[in-house]
Amino acid sequence: QVQLVESGGGLVQPGGSLRLSCAASGSVSSIYAMGWYRQAPGQQLEWVAGVANGVSPHYANSVKGRFTVSDANFSKTMYLQMNNLKPEDTAVYYCAADSNLYPRAWGQGSQVTVSS
């Protein structure tokens, strides 16, 4: 199995920055893709950013140019650097990992609140 543990998040003012971390353990050698999702109150789960073997990181249009996902060496921690945060970025953020051996793994979620 693959296990994911998130850290980071919190409260930040508009225009501020935060960094989320996602540490993978277990069968990390079986991971071929990882990504970040978010869910705002009353909204559906939304894909934010992703990395995969041999593929450059890619982003949702809503965060492109503001968020950066680290190169996913899948044996280490993946980061999501979030700059110029906006109130509409407020959500619970989840990391996910796809493995060629096990079902998709999810982190526990990190609350990000952007408010003045």
Protein backbone atom coordinates (compact mmCIF):
# COMPACT_ATOMS: atom_id res chain seq x y z
CA GLN A 1 0.00 0.00 0.00
CA VAL A 2 0.92 3.67 -0.34
CA GLN A 3 0.39 6.07 2.54
CA LEU A 4 0.36 9.86 2.25
CA VAL A 5 0.74 12.33 5.11
CA GLU A 6 0.13 16.02 4.51
CA SER A 7 1.38 19.01 6.43
CA GLY A 8 1.19 22.75 6.03
CA GLY A 9 -1.85 24.86 5.34
CA GLY A 10 -3.44 27.42 7.62
CA LEU A 11 -4.79 30.95 7.48
CA VAL A 12 -3.23 33.56 5.20
CA GLN A 13 -4.22 36.99 3.94
CA PRO A 14 -5.00 37.57 0.25
CA GLY A 15 -1.77 37.88 -1.70
CA GLY A 16 0.11 35.73 0.78
CA SER A 17 1.84 32.38 0.34
CA LEU A 18 1.65 28.92 1.83
CA ARG A 19 3.38 25.61 1.17
CA LEU A 20 1.78 22.20 1.50
CA SER A 21 3.81 19.02 1.89
CA CYS A 22 2.85 15.44 1.06
CA ALA A 23 5.13 12.68 2.31
CA ALA A 24 4.75 9.26 0.70
CA SER A 25 5.59 5.98 2.40
CA GLY A 26 4.99 2.30 1.85
CA SER A 27 5.28 1.05 -1.72
CA VAL A 28 6.61 4.36 -3.07
CA SER A 29 8.48 2.64 -5.91
CA SER A 30 5.10 1.70 -7.40
CA ILE A 31 3.94 5.34 -7.69
CA TYR A 32 3.84 6.74 -11.23
CA ALA A 33 1.85 9.93 -10.70
CA MET A 34 0.94 12.30 -7.89
CA GLY A 35 -1.30 15.30 -7.70
CA TRP A 36 -3.15 17.85 -5.64
CA TYR A 37 -6.91 18.33 -5.40
CA ARG A 38 -9.07 20.70 -3.40
CA GLN A 39 -12.64 20.91 -2.20
CA ALA A 40 -14.25 24.17 -1.22
CA PRO A 41 -17.32 24.20 1.04
CA GLY A 42 -20.36 23.03 -0.88
CA GLN A 43 -18.30 22.36 -4.00
CA GLN A 44 -17.10 19.25 -5.80
CA LEU A 45 -13.57 17.99 -5.62
CA GLU A 46 -11.38 19.93 -8.06
CA TRP A 47 -8.06 18.89 -9.58
CA VAL A 48 -5.34 21.49 -8.97
CA ALA A 49 -1.96 20.19 -10.18
CA GLY A 50 -0.19 16.98 -11.09
CA VAL A 51 3.13 15.36 -11.91
CA ALA A 52 3.86 12.03 -13.57
CA ASN A 53 6.86 10.05 -14.68
CA GLY A 54 8.46 11.76 -17.65
CA VAL A 55 5.84 14.53 -17.76
CA SER A 56 6.29 18.15 -16.75
CA PRO A 57 4.06 19.40 -13.94
CA HIS A 58 0.68 20.62 -15.13
CA TYR A 59 -1.87 22.91 -13.52
CA ALA A 60 -5.50 23.89 -13.54
CA ASN A 61 -6.06 27.23 -15.28
CA SER A 62 -7.30 28.73 -12.02
CA VAL A 63 -3.90 28.30 -10.34
CA LYS A 64 -1.48 28.46 -13.28
CA GLY A 65 1.27 30.99 -12.67
CA ARG A 66 0.56 31.11 -8.92
CA PHE A 67 1.02 27.52 -7.74
CA THR A 68 4.08 25.33 -8.25
CA VAL A 69 4.33 21.60 -7.59
CA SER A 70 7.76 20.22 -6.92
CA ASP A 71 9.36 17.66 -9.17
CA ALA A 72 7.94 14.45 -7.85
CA ASN A 73 10.80 12.20 -7.00
CA PHE A 74 8.30 9.73 -5.71
CA SER A 75 10.56 8.50 -2.96
CA LYS A 76 10.50 11.92 -1.32
CA THR A 77 8.05 14.58 -0.25
CA MET A 78 5.99 16.45 -2.83
CA TYR A 79 5.30 20.12 -2.24
CA LEU A 80 2.69 22.58 -3.45
CA GLN A 81 3.94 26.15 -3.25
CA MET A 82 1.00 28.54 -3.38
CA ASN A 83 1.68 32.21 -4.04
CA ASN A 84 -0.59 35.21 -4.51
CA LEU A 85 -3.40 33.37 -2.77
CA LYS A 86 -6.97 34.52 -3.33
CA PRO A 87 -10.10 34.04 -1.20
CA GLU A 88 -11.40 31.62 -3.84
CA ASP A 89 -8.43 29.36 -3.10
CA THR A 90 -9.97 28.60 0.29
CA ALA A 91 -10.53 24.84 0.45
CA VAL A 92 -9.37 21.57 1.94
CA TYR A 93 -6.42 20.41 -0.13
CA TYR A 94 -5.67 16.73 -0.70
CA CYS A 95 -2.67 15.05 -2.22
CA ALA A 96 -3.12 11.82 -4.17
CA ALA A 97 -0.84 9.13 -5.53
CA ASP A 98 -1.49 6.67 -8.33
CA SER A 99 0.29 3.35 -8.16
CA ASN A 100 0.58 0.50 -10.63
CA LEU A 101 -0.05 -1.95 -7.80
CA TYR A 102 -2.60 -0.39 -5.45
CA PRO A 103 -5.70 1.79 -5.55
CA ARG A 104 -5.26 5.57 -5.49
CA ALA A 105 -4.00 6.79 -2.14
CA TRP A 106 -5.15 10.04 -0.53
CA GLY A 107 -3.70 12.30 2.10
CA GLN A 108 -5.76 13.31 5.10
CA GLY A 109 -6.42 16.83 3.82
CA SER A 110 -5.11 20.26 4.78
CA GLN A 111 -7.27 23.31 5.37
CA VAL A 112 -6.21 26.45 3.52
CA THR A 113 -8.11 29.62 4.38
CA VAL A 114 -7.46 32.88 2.55
CA SER A 115 -9.08 35.79 4.33
CA SER A 116 -8.33 39.26 5.56
